[in-house]
Amino acid sequence: RLAECCIMAYHMSIIEEKTVDDSRK
């Protein structure tokens, strides 16, 4: 479960960064 938390948090941060980068691009 702890590993799943880390994976989900990382995945959500990637999506957030991608959204910001896409708006800039």
PDBML (XML) file of the C-alpha atoms, coordinates in Angstrom:
<?xml version="1.0" encoding="UTF-8" ?>
<PDBx:datablock datablockName="MODEL"
   xmlns:PDBx="http://pdbml.pdb.org/schema/pdbx-v50.xsd"
   xmlns:xsi="http://www.w3.org/2001/XMLSchema-instance"
   xsi:schemaLocation="http://pdbml.pdb.org/schema/pdbx-v50.xsd pdbx-v50.xsd">
   <PDBx:atom_siteCategory>
      <PDBx:atom_site id="1">
         <PDBx:B_iso_or_equiv>0.00</PDBx:B_iso_or_equiv>
         <PDBx:Cartn_x>0.000</PDBx:Cartn_x>
         <PDBx:Cartn_y>0.000</PDBx:Cartn_y>
         <PDBx:Cartn_z>0.000</PDBx:Cartn_z>
         <PDBx:auth_asym_id>A</PDBx:auth_asym_id>
         <PDBx:auth_atom_id>CA</PDBx:auth_atom_id>
         <PDBx:auth_comp_id>ARG</PDBx:auth_comp_id>
         <PDBx:auth_seq_id>1</PDBx:auth_seq_id>
         <PDBx:group_PDB>ATOM</PDBx:group_PDB>
         <PDBx:label_alt_id xsi:nil="true" />
         <PDBx:label_asym_id>A</PDBx:label_asym_id>
         <PDBx:label_atom_id>CA</PDBx:label_atom_id>
         <PDBx:label_comp_id>ARG</PDBx:label_comp_id>
         <PDBx:label_entity_id>1</PDBx:label_entity_id>
         <PDBx:label_seq_id>1</PDBx:label_seq_id>
         <PDBx:occupancy>1.00</PDBx:occupancy>
         <PDBx:pdbx_PDB_model_num>1</PDBx:pdbx_PDB_model_num>
         <PDBx:type_symbol>C</PDBx:type_symbol>
      </PDBx:atom_site>
      <PDBx:atom_site id="2">
         <PDBx:B_iso_or_equiv>0.00</PDBx:B_iso_or_equiv>
         <PDBx:Cartn_x>2.850</PDBx:Cartn_x>
         <PDBx:Cartn_y>2.388</PDBx:Cartn_y>
         <PDBx:Cartn_z>0.748</PDBx:Cartn_z>
         <PDBx:auth_asym_id>A</PDBx:auth_asym_id>
         <PDBx:auth_atom_id>CA</PDBx:auth_atom_id>
         <PDBx:auth_comp_id>LEU</PDBx:auth_comp_id>
         <PDBx:auth_seq_id>2</PDBx:auth_seq_id>
         <PDBx:group_PDB>ATOM</PDBx:group_PDB>
         <PDBx:label_alt_id xsi:nil="true" />
         <PDBx:label_asym_id>A</PDBx:label_asym_id>
         <PDBx:label_atom_id>CA</PDBx:label_atom_id>
         <PDBx:label_comp_id>LEU</PDBx:label_comp_id>
         <PDBx:label_entity_id>1</PDBx:label_entity_id>
         <PDBx:label_seq_id>2</PDBx:label_seq_id>
         <PDBx:occupancy>1.00</PDBx:occupancy>
         <PDBx:pdbx_PDB_model_num>1</PDBx:pdbx_PDB_model_num>
         <PDBx:type_symbol>C</PDBx:type_symbol>
      </PDBx:atom_site>
      <PDBx:atom_site id="3">
         <PDBx:B_iso_or_equiv>0.00</PDBx:B_iso_or_equiv>
         <PDBx:Cartn_x>4.326</PDBx:Cartn_x>
         <PDBx:Cartn_y>1.653</PDBx:Cartn_y>
         <PDBx:Cartn_z>-2.684</PDBx:Cartn_z>
         <PDBx:auth_asym_id>A</PDBx:auth_asym_id>
         <PDBx:auth_atom_id>CA</PDBx:auth_atom_id>
         <PDBx:auth_comp_id>ALA</PDBx:auth_comp_id>
         <PDBx:auth_seq_id>3</PDBx:auth_seq_id>
         <PDBx:group_PDB>ATOM</PDBx:group_PDB>
         <PDBx:label_alt_id xsi:nil="true" />
         <PDBx:label_asym_id>A</PDBx:label_asym_id>
         <PDBx:label_atom_id>CA</PDBx:label_atom_id>
         <PDBx:label_comp_id>ALA</PDBx:label_comp_id>
         <PDBx:label_entity_id>1</PDBx:label_entity_id>
         <PDBx:label_seq_id>3</PDBx:label_seq_id>
         <PDBx:occupancy>1.00</PDBx:occupancy>
         <PDBx:pdbx_PDB_model_num>1</PDBx:pdbx_PDB_model_num>
         <PDBx:type_symbol>C</PDBx:type_symbol>
      </PDBx:atom_site>
      <PDBx:atom_site id="4">
         <PDBx:B_iso_or_equiv>0.00</PDBx:B_iso_or_equiv>
         <PDBx:Cartn_x>0.920</PDBx:Cartn_x>
         <PDBx:Cartn_y>2.312</PDBx:Cartn_y>
         <PDBx:Cartn_z>-4.277</PDBx:Cartn_z>
         <PDBx:auth_asym_id>A</PDBx:auth_asym_id>
         <PDBx:auth_atom_id>CA</PDBx:auth_atom_id>
         <PDBx:auth_comp_id>GLU</PDBx:auth_comp_id>
         <PDBx:auth_seq_id>4</PDBx:auth_seq_id>
         <PDBx:group_PDB>ATOM</PDBx:group_PDB>
         <PDBx:label_alt_id xsi:nil="true" />
         <PDBx:label_asym_id>A</PDBx:label_asym_id>
         <PDBx:label_atom_id>CA</PDBx:label_atom_id>
         <PDBx:label_comp_id>GLU</PDBx:label_comp_id>
         <PDBx:label_entity_id>1</PDBx:label_entity_id>
         <PDBx:label_seq_id>4</PDBx:label_seq_id>
         <PDBx:occupancy>1.00</PDBx:occupancy>
         <PDBx:pdbx_PDB_model_num>1</PDBx:pdbx_PDB_model_num>
         <PDBx:type_symbol>C</PDBx:type_symbol>
      </PDBx:atom_site>
      <PDBx:atom_site id="5">
         <PDBx:B_iso_or_equiv>0.00</PDBx:B_iso_or_equiv>
         <PDBx:Cartn_x>0.774</PDBx:Cartn_x>
         <PDBx:Cartn_y>5.665</PDBx:Cartn_y>
         <PDBx:Cartn_z>-2.476</PDBx:Cartn_z>
         <PDBx:auth_asym_id>A</PDBx:auth_asym_id>
         <PDBx:auth_atom_id>CA</PDBx:auth_atom_id>
         <PDBx:auth_comp_id>CYS</PDBx:auth_comp_id>
         <PDBx:auth_seq_id>5</PDBx:auth_seq_id>
         <PDBx:group_PDB>ATOM</PDBx:group_PDB>
         <PDBx:label_alt_id xsi:nil="true" />
         <PDBx:label_asym_id>A</PDBx:label_asym_id>
         <PDBx:label_atom_id>CA</PDBx:label_atom_id>
         <PDBx:label_comp_id>CYS</PDBx:label_comp_id>
         <PDBx:label_entity_id>1</PDBx:label_entity_id>
         <PDBx:label_seq_id>5</PDBx:label_seq_id>
         <PDBx:occupancy>1.00</PDBx:occupancy>
         <PDBx:pdbx_PDB_model_num>1</PDBx:pdbx_PDB_model_num>
         <PDBx:type_symbol>C</PDBx:type_symbol>
      </PDBx:atom_site>
      <PDBx:atom_site id="6">
         <PDBx:B_iso_or_equiv>0.00</PDBx:B_iso_or_equiv>
         <PDBx:Cartn_x>4.171</PDBx:Cartn_x>
         <PDBx:Cartn_y>6.646</PDBx:Cartn_y>
         <PDBx:Cartn_z>-3.884</PDBx:Cartn_z>
         <PDBx:auth_asym_id>A</PDBx:auth_asym_id>
         <PDBx:auth_atom_id>CA</PDBx:auth_atom_id>
         <PDBx:auth_comp_id>CYS</PDBx:auth_comp_id>
         <PDBx:auth_seq_id>6</PDBx:auth_seq_id>
         <PDBx:group_PDB>ATOM</PDBx:group_PDB>
         <PDBx:label_alt_id xsi:nil="true" />
         <PDBx:label_asym_id>A</PDBx:label_asym_id>
         <PDBx:label_atom_id>CA</PDBx:label_atom_id>
         <PDBx:label_comp_id>CYS</PDBx:label_comp_id>
         <PDBx:label_entity_id>1</PDBx:label_entity_id>
         <PDBx:label_seq_id>6</PDBx:label_seq_id>
         <PDBx:occupancy>1.00</PDBx:occupancy>
         <PDBx:pdbx_PDB_model_num>1</PDBx:pdbx_PDB_model_num>
         <PDBx:type_symbol>C</PDBx:type_symbol>
      </PDBx:atom_site>
      <PDBx:atom_site id="7">
         <PDBx:B_iso_or_equiv>0.00</PDBx:B_iso_or_equiv>
         <PDBx:Cartn_x>3.239</PDBx:Cartn_x>
         <PDBx:Cartn_y>5.546</PDBx:Cartn_y>
         <PDBx:Cartn_z>-7.412</PDBx:Cartn_z>
         <PDBx:auth_asym_id>A</PDBx:auth_asym_id>
         <PDBx:auth_atom_id>CA</PDBx:auth_atom_id>
         <PDBx:auth_comp_id>ILE</PDBx:auth_comp_id>
         <PDBx:auth_seq_id>7</PDBx:auth_seq_id>
         <PDBx:group_PDB>ATOM</PDBx:group_PDB>
         <PDBx:label_alt_id xsi:nil="true" />
         <PDBx:label_asym_id>A</PDBx:label_asym_id>
         <PDBx:label_atom_id>CA</PDBx:label_atom_id>
         <PDBx:label_comp_id>ILE</PDBx:label_comp_id>
         <PDBx:label_entity_id>1</PDBx:label_entity_id>
         <PDBx:label_seq_id>7</PDBx:label_seq_id>
         <PDBx:occupancy>1.00</PDBx:occupancy>
         <PDBx:pdbx_PDB_model_num>1</PDBx:pdbx_PDB_model_num>
         <PDBx:type_symbol>C</PDBx:type_symbol>
      </PDBx:atom_site>
      <PDBx:atom_site id="8">
         <PDBx:B_iso_or_equiv>0.00</PDBx:B_iso_or_equiv>
         <PDBx:Cartn_x>-0.103</PDBx:Cartn_x>
         <PDBx:Cartn_y>7.360</PDBx:Cartn_y>
         <PDBx:Cartn_z>-7.329</PDBx:Cartn_z>
         <PDBx:auth_asym_id>A</PDBx:auth_asym_id>
         <PDBx:auth_atom_id>CA</PDBx:auth_atom_id>
         <PDBx:auth_comp_id>MET</PDBx:auth_comp_id>
         <PDBx:auth_seq_id>8</PDBx:auth_seq_id>
         <PDBx:group_PDB>ATOM</PDBx:group_PDB>
         <PDBx:label_alt_id xsi:nil="true" />
         <PDBx:label_asym_id>A</PDBx:label_asym_id>
         <PDBx:label_atom_id>CA</PDBx:label_atom_id>
         <PDBx:label_comp_id>MET</PDBx:label_comp_id>
         <PDBx:label_entity_id>1</PDBx:label_entity_id>
         <PDBx:label_seq_id>8</PDBx:label_seq_id>
         <PDBx:occupancy>1.00</PDBx:occupancy>
         <PDBx:pdbx_PDB_model_num>1</PDBx:pdbx_PDB_model_num>
         <PDBx:type_symbol>C</PDBx:type_symbol>
      </PDBx:atom_site>
      <PDBx:atom_site id="9">
         <PDBx:B_iso_or_equiv>0.00</PDBx:B_iso_or_equiv>
         <PDBx:Cartn_x>1.438</PDBx:Cartn_x>
         <PDBx:Cartn_y>10.557</PDBx:Cartn_y>
         <PDBx:Cartn_z>-5.938</PDBx:Cartn_z>
         <PDBx:auth_asym_id>A</PDBx:auth_asym_id>
         <PDBx:auth_atom_id>CA</PDBx:auth_atom_id>
         <PDBx:auth_comp_id>ALA</PDBx:auth_comp_id>
         <PDBx:auth_seq_id>9</PDBx:auth_seq_id>
         <PDBx:group_PDB>ATOM</PDBx:group_PDB>
         <PDBx:label_alt_id xsi:nil="true" />
         <PDBx:label_asym_id>A</PDBx:label_asym_id>
         <PDBx:label_atom_id>CA</PDBx:label_atom_id>
         <PDBx:label_comp_id>ALA</PDBx:label_comp_id>
         <PDBx:label_entity_id>1</PDBx:label_entity_id>
         <PDBx:label_seq_id>9</PDBx:label_seq_id>
         <PDBx:occupancy>1.00</PDBx:occupancy>
         <PDBx:pdbx_PDB_model_num>1</PDBx:pdbx_PDB_model_num>
         <PDBx:type_symbol>C</PDBx:type_symbol>
      </PDBx:atom_site>
      <PDBx:atom_site id="10">
         <PDBx:B_iso_or_equiv>0.00</PDBx:B_iso_or_equiv>
         <PDBx:Cartn_x>4.164</PDBx:Cartn_x>
         <PDBx:Cartn_y>10.473</PDBx:Cartn_y>
         <PDBx:Cartn_z>-8.609</PDBx:Cartn_z>
         <PDBx:auth_asym_id>A</PDBx:auth_asym_id>
         <PDBx:auth_atom_id>CA</PDBx:auth_atom_id>
         <PDBx:auth_comp_id>TYR</PDBx:auth_comp_id>
         <PDBx:auth_seq_id>10</PDBx:auth_seq_id>
         <PDBx:group_PDB>ATOM</PDBx:group_PDB>
         <PDBx:label_alt_id xsi:nil="true" />
         <PDBx:label_asym_id>A</PDBx:label_asym_id>
         <PDBx:label_atom_id>CA</PDBx:label_atom_id>
         <PDBx:label_comp_id>TYR</PDBx:label_comp_id>
         <PDBx:label_entity_id>1</PDBx:label_entity_id>
         <PDBx:label_seq_id>10</PDBx:label_seq_id>
         <PDBx:occupancy>1.00</PDBx:occupancy>
         <PDBx:pdbx_PDB_model_num>1</PDBx:pdbx_PDB_model_num>
         <PDBx:type_symbol>C</PDBx:type_symbol>
      </PDBx:atom_site>
      <PDBx:atom_site id="11">
         <PDBx:B_iso_or_equiv>0.00</PDBx:B_iso_or_equiv>
         <PDBx:Cartn_x>1.642</PDBx:Cartn_x>
         <PDBx:Cartn_y>9.786</PDBx:Cartn_y>
         <PDBx:Cartn_z>-11.358</PDBx:Cartn_z>
         <PDBx:auth_asym_id>A</PDBx:auth_asym_id>
         <PDBx:auth_atom_id>CA</PDBx:auth_atom_id>
         <PDBx:auth_comp_id>HIS</PDBx:auth_comp_id>
         <PDBx:auth_seq_id>11</PDBx:auth_seq_id>
         <PDBx:group_PDB>ATOM</PDBx:group_PDB>
         <PDBx:label_alt_id xsi:nil="true" />
         <PDBx:label_asym_id>A</PDBx:label_asym_id>
         <PDBx:label_atom_id>CA</PDBx:label_atom_id>
         <PDBx:label_comp_id>HIS</PDBx:label_comp_id>
         <PDBx:label_entity_id>1</PDBx:label_entity_id>
         <PDBx:label_seq_id>11</PDBx:label_seq_id>
         <PDBx:occupancy>1.00</PDBx:occupancy>
         <PDBx:pdbx_PDB_model_num>1</PDBx:pdbx_PDB_model_num>
         <PDBx:type_symbol>C</PDBx:type_symbol>
      </PDBx:atom_site>
      <PDBx:atom_site id="12">
         <PDBx:B_iso_or_equiv>0.00</PDBx:B_iso_or_equiv>
         <PDBx:Cartn_x>-0.555</PDBx:Cartn_x>
         <PDBx:Cartn_y>12.691</PDBx:Cartn_y>
         <PDBx:Cartn_z>-10.220</PDBx:Cartn_z>
         <PDBx:auth_asym_id>A</PDBx:auth_asym_id>
         <PDBx:auth_atom_id>CA</PDBx:auth_atom_id>
         <PDBx:auth_comp_id>MET</PDBx:auth_comp_id>
         <PDBx:auth_seq_id>12</PDBx:auth_seq_id>
         <PDBx:group_PDB>ATOM</PDBx:group_PDB>
         <PDBx:label_alt_id xsi:nil="true" />
         <PDBx:label_asym_id>A</PDBx:label_asym_id>
         <PDBx:label_atom_id>CA</PDBx:label_atom_id>
         <PDBx:label_comp_id>MET</PDBx:label_comp_id>
         <PDBx:label_entity_id>1</PDBx:label_entity_id>
         <PDBx:label_seq_id>12</PDBx:label_seq_id>
         <PDBx:occupancy>1.00</PDBx:occupancy>
         <PDBx:pdbx_PDB_model_num>1</PDBx:pdbx_PDB_model_num>
         <PDBx:type_symbol>C</PDBx:type_symbol>
      </PDBx:atom_site>
      <PDBx:atom_site id="13">
         <PDBx:B_iso_or_equiv>0.00</PDBx:B_iso_or_equiv>
         <PDBx:Cartn_x>2.448</PDBx:Cartn_x>
         <PDBx:Cartn_y>15.031</PDBx:Cartn_y>
         <PDBx:Cartn_z>-10.111</PDBx:Cartn_z>
         <PDBx:auth_asym_id>A</PDBx:auth_asym_id>
         <PDBx:auth_atom_id>CA</PDBx:auth_atom_id>
         <PDBx:auth_comp_id>SER</PDBx:auth_comp_id>
         <PDBx:auth_seq_id>13</PDBx:auth_seq_id>
         <PDBx:group_PDB>ATOM</PDBx:group_PDB>
         <PDBx:label_alt_id xsi:nil="true" />
         <PDBx:label_asym_id>A</PDBx:label_asym_id>
         <PDBx:label_atom_id>CA</PDBx:label_atom_id>
         <PDBx:label_comp_id>SER</PDBx:label_comp_id>
         <PDBx:label_entity_id>1</PDBx:label_entity_id>
         <PDBx:label_seq_id>13</PDBx:label_seq_id>
         <PDBx:occupancy>1.00</PDBx:occupancy>
         <PDBx:pdbx_PDB_model_num>1</PDBx:pdbx_PDB_model_num>
         <PDBx:type_symbol>C</PDBx:type_symbol>
      </PDBx:atom_site>
      <PDBx:atom_site id="14">
         <PDBx:B_iso_or_equiv>0.00</PDBx:B_iso_or_equiv>
         <PDBx:Cartn_x>3.464</PDBx:Cartn_x>
         <PDBx:Cartn_y>13.992</PDBx:Cartn_y>
         <PDBx:Cartn_z>-13.654</PDBx:Cartn_z>
         <PDBx:auth_asym_id>A</PDBx:auth_asym_id>
         <PDBx:auth_atom_id>CA</PDBx:auth_atom_id>
         <PDBx:auth_comp_id>ILE</PDBx:auth_comp_id>
         <PDBx:auth_seq_id>14</PDBx:auth_seq_id>
         <PDBx:group_PDB>ATOM</PDBx:group_PDB>
         <PDBx:label_alt_id xsi:nil="true" />
         <PDBx:label_asym_id>A</PDBx:label_asym_id>
         <PDBx:label_atom_id>CA</PDBx:label_atom_id>
         <PDBx:label_comp_id>ILE</PDBx:label_comp_id>
         <PDBx:label_entity_id>1</PDBx:label_entity_id>
         <PDBx:label_seq_id>14</PDBx:label_seq_id>
         <PDBx:occupancy>1.00</PDBx:occupancy>
         <PDBx:pdbx_PDB_model_num>1</PDBx:pdbx_PDB_model_num>
         <PDBx:type_symbol>C</PDBx:type_symbol>
      </PDBx:atom_site>
      <PDBx:atom_site id="15">
         <PDBx:B_iso_or_equiv>0.00</PDBx:B_iso_or_equiv>
         <PDBx:Cartn_x>-0.045</PDBx:Cartn_x>
         <PDBx:Cartn_y>14.672</PDBx:Cartn_y>
         <PDBx:Cartn_z>-14.950</PDBx:Cartn_z>
         <PDBx:auth_asym_id>A</PDBx:auth_asym_id>
         <PDBx:auth_atom_id>CA</PDBx:auth_atom_id>
         <PDBx:auth_comp_id>ILE</PDBx:auth_comp_id>
         <PDBx:auth_seq_id>15</PDBx:auth_seq_id>
         <PDBx:group_PDB>ATOM</PDBx:group_PDB>
         <PDBx:label_alt_id xsi:nil="true" />
         <PDBx:label_asym_id>A</PDBx:label_asym_id>
         <PDBx:label_atom_id>CA</PDBx:label_atom_id>
         <PDBx:label_comp_id>ILE</PDBx:label_comp_id>
         <PDBx:label_entity_id>1</PDBx:label_entity_id>
         <PDBx:label_seq_id>15</PDBx:label_seq_id>
         <PDBx:occupancy>1.00</PDBx:occupancy>
         <PDBx:pdbx_PDB_model_num>1</PDBx:pdbx_PDB_model_num>
         <PDBx:type_symbol>C</PDBx:type_symbol>
      </PDBx:atom_site>
      <PDBx:atom_site id="16">
         <PDBx:B_iso_or_equiv>0.00</PDBx:B_iso_or_equiv>
         <PDBx:Cartn_x>-0.061</PDBx:Cartn_x>
         <PDBx:Cartn_y>18.075</PDBx:Cartn_y>
         <PDBx:Cartn_z>-13.245</PDBx:Cartn_z>
         <PDBx:auth_asym_id>A</PDBx:auth_asym_id>
         <PDBx:auth_atom_id>CA</PDBx:auth_atom_id>
         <PDBx:auth_comp_id>GLU</PDBx:auth_comp_id>
         <PDBx:auth_seq_id>16</PDBx:auth_seq_id>
         <PDBx:group_PDB>ATOM</PDBx:group_PDB>
         <PDBx:label_alt_id xsi:nil="true" />
         <PDBx:label_asym_id>A</PDBx:label_asym_id>
         <PDBx:label_atom_id>CA</PDBx:label_atom_id>
         <PDBx:label_comp_id>GLU</PDBx:label_comp_id>
         <PDBx:label_entity_id>1</PDBx:label_entity_id>
         <PDBx:label_seq_id>16</PDBx:label_seq_id>
         <PDBx:occupancy>1.00</PDBx:occupancy>
         <PDBx:pdbx_PDB_model_num>1</PDBx:pdbx_PDB_model_num>
         <PDBx:type_symbol>C</PDBx:type_symbol>
      </PDBx:atom_site>
      <PDBx:atom_site id="17">
         <PDBx:B_iso_or_equiv>0.00</PDBx:B_iso_or_equiv>
         <PDBx:Cartn_x>3.348</PDBx:Cartn_x>
         <PDBx:Cartn_y>19.000</PDBx:Cartn_y>
         <PDBx:Cartn_z>-14.680</PDBx:Cartn_z>
         <PDBx:auth_asym_id>A</PDBx:auth_asym_id>
         <PDBx:auth_atom_id>CA</PDBx:auth_atom_id>
         <PDBx:auth_comp_id>GLU</PDBx:auth_comp_id>
         <PDBx:auth_seq_id>17</PDBx:auth_seq_id>
         <PDBx:group_PDB>ATOM</PDBx:group_PDB>
         <PDBx:label_alt_id xsi:nil="true" />
         <PDBx:label_asym_id>A</PDBx:label_asym_id>
         <PDBx:label_atom_id>CA</PDBx:label_atom_id>
         <PDBx:label_comp_id>GLU</PDBx:label_comp_id>
         <PDBx:label_entity_id>1</PDBx:label_entity_id>
         <PDBx:label_seq_id>17</PDBx:label_seq_id>
         <PDBx:occupancy>1.00</PDBx:occupancy>
         <PDBx:pdbx_PDB_model_num>1</PDBx:pdbx_PDB_model_num>
         <PDBx:type_symbol>C</PDBx:type_symbol>
      </PDBx:atom_site>
      <PDBx:atom_site id="18">
         <PDBx:B_iso_or_equiv>0.00</PDBx:B_iso_or_equiv>
         <PDBx:Cartn_x>2.312</PDBx:Cartn_x>
         <PDBx:Cartn_y>17.786</PDBx:Cartn_y>
         <PDBx:Cartn_z>-18.121</PDBx:Cartn_z>
         <PDBx:auth_asym_id>A</PDBx:auth_asym_id>
         <PDBx:auth_atom_id>CA</PDBx:auth_atom_id>
         <PDBx:auth_comp_id>LYS</PDBx:auth_comp_id>
         <PDBx:auth_seq_id>18</PDBx:auth_seq_id>
         <PDBx:group_PDB>ATOM</PDBx:group_PDB>
         <PDBx:label_alt_id xsi:nil="true" />
         <PDBx:label_asym_id>A</PDBx:label_asym_id>
         <PDBx:label_atom_id>CA</PDBx:label_atom_id>
         <PDBx:label_comp_id>LYS</PDBx:label_comp_id>
         <PDBx:label_entity_id>1</PDBx:label_entity_id>
         <PDBx:label_seq_id>18</PDBx:label_seq_id>
         <PDBx:occupancy>1.00</PDBx:occupancy>
         <PDBx:pdbx_PDB_model_num>1</PDBx:pdbx_PDB_model_num>
         <PDBx:type_symbol>C</PDBx:type_symbol>
      </PDBx:atom_site>
      <PDBx:atom_site id="19">
         <PDBx:B_iso_or_equiv>0.00</PDBx:B_iso_or_equiv>
         <PDBx:Cartn_x>-0.825</PDBx:Cartn_x>
         <PDBx:Cartn_y>19.916</PDBx:Cartn_y>
         <PDBx:Cartn_z>-18.000</PDBx:Cartn_z>
         <PDBx:auth_asym_id>A</PDBx:auth_asym_id>
         <PDBx:auth_atom_id>CA</PDBx:auth_atom_id>
         <PDBx:auth_comp_id>THR</PDBx:auth_comp_id>
         <PDBx:auth_seq_id>19</PDBx:auth_seq_id>
         <PDBx:group_PDB>ATOM</PDBx:group_PDB>
         <PDBx:label_alt_id xsi:nil="true" />
         <PDBx:label_asym_id>A</PDBx:label_asym_id>
         <PDBx:label_atom_id>CA</PDBx:label_atom_id>
         <PDBx:label_comp_id>THR</PDBx:label_comp_id>
         <PDBx:label_entity_id>1</PDBx:label_entity_id>
         <PDBx:label_seq_id>19</PDBx:label_seq_id>
         <PDBx:occupancy>1.00</PDBx:occupancy>
         <PDBx:pdbx_PDB_model_num>1</PDBx:pdbx_PDB_model_num>
         <PDBx:type_symbol>C</PDBx:type_symbol>
      </PDBx:atom_site>
      <PDBx:atom_site id="20">
         <PDBx:B_iso_or_equiv>0.00</PDBx:B_iso_or_equiv>
         <PDBx:Cartn_x>1.229</PDBx:Cartn_x>
         <PDBx:Cartn_y>22.976</PDBx:Cartn_y>
         <PDBx:Cartn_z>-17.135</PDBx:Cartn_z>
         <PDBx:auth_asym_id>A</PDBx:auth_asym_id>
         <PDBx:auth_atom_id>CA</PDBx:auth_atom_id>
         <PDBx:auth_comp_id>VAL</PDBx:auth_comp_id>
         <PDBx:auth_seq_id>20</PDBx:auth_seq_id>
         <PDBx:group_PDB>ATOM</PDBx:group_PDB>
         <PDBx:label_alt_id xsi:nil="true" />
         <PDBx:label_asym_id>A</PDBx:label_asym_id>
         <PDBx:label_atom_id>CA</PDBx:label_atom_id>
         <PDBx:label_comp_id>VAL</PDBx:label_comp_id>
         <PDBx:label_entity_id>1</PDBx:label_entity_id>
         <PDBx:label_seq_id>20</PDBx:label_seq_id>
         <PDBx:occupancy>1.00</PDBx:occupancy>
         <PDBx:pdbx_PDB_model_num>1</PDBx:pdbx_PDB_model_num>
         <PDBx:type_symbol>C</PDBx:type_symbol>
      </PDBx:atom_site>
      <PDBx:atom_site id="21">
         <PDBx:B_iso_or_equiv>0.00</PDBx:B_iso_or_equiv>
         <PDBx:Cartn_x>3.848</PDBx:Cartn_x>
         <PDBx:Cartn_y>22.204</PDBx:Cartn_y>
         <PDBx:Cartn_z>-19.799</PDBx:Cartn_z>
         <PDBx:auth_asym_id>A</PDBx:auth_asym_id>
         <PDBx:auth_atom_id>CA</PDBx:auth_atom_id>
         <PDBx:auth_comp_id>ASP</PDBx:auth_comp_id>
         <PDBx:auth_seq_id>21</PDBx:auth_seq_id>
         <PDBx:group_PDB>ATOM</PDBx:group_PDB>
         <PDBx:label_alt_id xsi:nil="true" />
         <PDBx:label_asym_id>A</PDBx:label_asym_id>
         <PDBx:label_atom_id>CA</PDBx:label_atom_id>
         <PDBx:label_comp_id>ASP</PDBx:label_comp_id>
         <PDBx:label_entity_id>1</PDBx:label_entity_id>
         <PDBx:label_seq_id>21</PDBx:label_seq_id>
         <PDBx:occupancy>1.00</PDBx:occupancy>
         <PDBx:pdbx_PDB_model_num>1</PDBx:pdbx_PDB_model_num>
         <PDBx:type_symbol>C</PDBx:type_symbol>
      </PDBx:atom_site>
      <PDBx:atom_site id="22">
         <PDBx:B_iso_or_equiv>0.00</PDBx:B_iso_or_equiv>
         <PDBx:Cartn_x>1.173</PDBx:Cartn_x>
         <PDBx:Cartn_y>21.627</PDBx:Cartn_y>
         <PDBx:Cartn_z>-22.439</PDBx:Cartn_z>
         <PDBx:auth_asym_id>A</PDBx:auth_asym_id>
         <PDBx:auth_atom_id>CA</PDBx:auth_atom_id>
         <PDBx:auth_comp_id>ASP</PDBx:auth_comp_id>
         <PDBx:auth_seq_id>22</PDBx:auth_seq_id>
         <PDBx:group_PDB>ATOM</PDBx:group_PDB>
         <PDBx:label_alt_id xsi:nil="true" />
         <PDBx:label_asym_id>A</PDBx:label_asym_id>
         <PDBx:label_atom_id>CA</PDBx:label_atom_id>
         <PDBx:label_comp_id>ASP</PDBx:label_comp_id>
         <PDBx:label_entity_id>1</PDBx:label_entity_id>
         <PDBx:label_seq_id>22</PDBx:label_seq_id>
         <PDBx:occupancy>1.00</PDBx:occupancy>
         <PDBx:pdbx_PDB_model_num>1</PDBx:pdbx_PDB_model_num>
         <PDBx:type_symbol>C</PDBx:type_symbol>
      </PDBx:atom_site>
      <PDBx:atom_site id="23">
         <PDBx:B_iso_or_equiv>0.00</PDBx:B_iso_or_equiv>
         <PDBx:Cartn_x>-0.369</PDBx:Cartn_x>
         <PDBx:Cartn_y>25.014</PDBx:Cartn_y>
         <PDBx:Cartn_z>-21.717</PDBx:Cartn_z>
         <PDBx:auth_asym_id>A</PDBx:auth_asym_id>
         <PDBx:auth_atom_id>CA</PDBx:auth_atom_id>
         <PDBx:auth_comp_id>SER</PDBx:auth_comp_id>
         <PDBx:auth_seq_id>23</PDBx:auth_seq_id>
         <PDBx:group_PDB>ATOM</PDBx:group_PDB>
         <PDBx:label_alt_id xsi:nil="true" />
         <PDBx:label_asym_id>A</PDBx:label_asym_id>
         <PDBx:label_atom_id>CA</PDBx:label_atom_id>
         <PDBx:label_comp_id>SER</PDBx:label_comp_id>
         <PDBx:label_entity_id>1</PDBx:label_entity_id>
         <PDBx:label_seq_id>23</PDBx:label_seq_id>
         <PDBx:occupancy>1.00</PDBx:occupancy>
         <PDBx:pdbx_PDB_model_num>1</PDBx:pdbx_PDB_model_num>
         <PDBx:type_symbol>C</PDBx:type_symbol>
      </PDBx:atom_site>
      <PDBx:atom_site id="24">
         <PDBx:B_iso_or_equiv>0.00</PDBx:B_iso_or_equiv>
         <PDBx:Cartn_x>3.053</PDBx:Cartn_x>
         <PDBx:Cartn_y>26.621</PDBx:Cartn_y>
         <PDBx:Cartn_z>-22.068</PDBx:Cartn_z>
         <PDBx:auth_asym_id>A</PDBx:auth_asym_id>
         <PDBx:auth_atom_id>CA</PDBx:auth_atom_id>
         <PDBx:auth_comp_id>ARG</PDBx:auth_comp_id>
         <PDBx:auth_seq_id>24</PDBx:auth_seq_id>
         <PDBx:group_PDB>ATOM</PDBx:group_PDB>
         <PDBx:label_alt_id xsi:nil="true" />
         <PDBx:label_asym_id>A</PDBx:label_asym_id>
         <PDBx:label_atom_id>CA</PDBx:label_atom_id>
         <PDBx:label_comp_id>ARG</PDBx:label_comp_id>
         <PDBx:label_entity_id>1</PDBx:label_entity_id>
         <PDBx:label_seq_id>24</PDBx:label_seq_id>
         <PDBx:occupancy>1.00</PDBx:occupancy>
         <PDBx:pdbx_PDB_model_num>1</PDBx:pdbx_PDB_model_num>
         <PDBx:type_symbol>C</PDBx:type_symbol>
      </PDBx:atom_site>
      <PDBx:atom_site id="25">
         <PDBx:B_iso_or_equiv>0.00</PDBx:B_iso_or_equiv>
         <PDBx:Cartn_x>3.890</PDBx:Cartn_x>
         <PDBx:Cartn_y>24.704</PDBx:Cartn_y>
         <PDBx:Cartn_z>-25.247</PDBx:Cartn_z>
         <PDBx:auth_asym_id>A</PDBx:auth_asym_id>
         <PDBx:auth_atom_id>CA</PDBx:auth_atom_id>
         <PDBx:auth_comp_id>LYS</PDBx:auth_comp_id>
         <PDBx:auth_seq_id>25</PDBx:auth_seq_id>
         <PDBx:group_PDB>ATOM</PDBx:group_PDB>
         <PDBx:label_alt_id xsi:nil="true" />
         <PDBx:label_asym_id>A</PDBx:label_asym_id>
         <PDBx:label_atom_id>CA</PDBx:label_atom_id>
         <PDBx:label_comp_id>LYS</PDBx:label_comp_id>
         <PDBx:label_entity_id>1</PDBx:label_entity_id>
         <PDBx:label_seq_id>25</PDBx:label_seq_id>
         <PDBx:occupancy>1.00</PDBx:occupancy>
         <PDBx:pdbx_PDB_model_num>1</PDBx:pdbx_PDB_model_num>
         <PDBx:type_symbol>C</PDBx:type_symbol>
      </PDBx:atom_site>
   </PDBx:atom_siteCategory>
</PDBx:datablock>
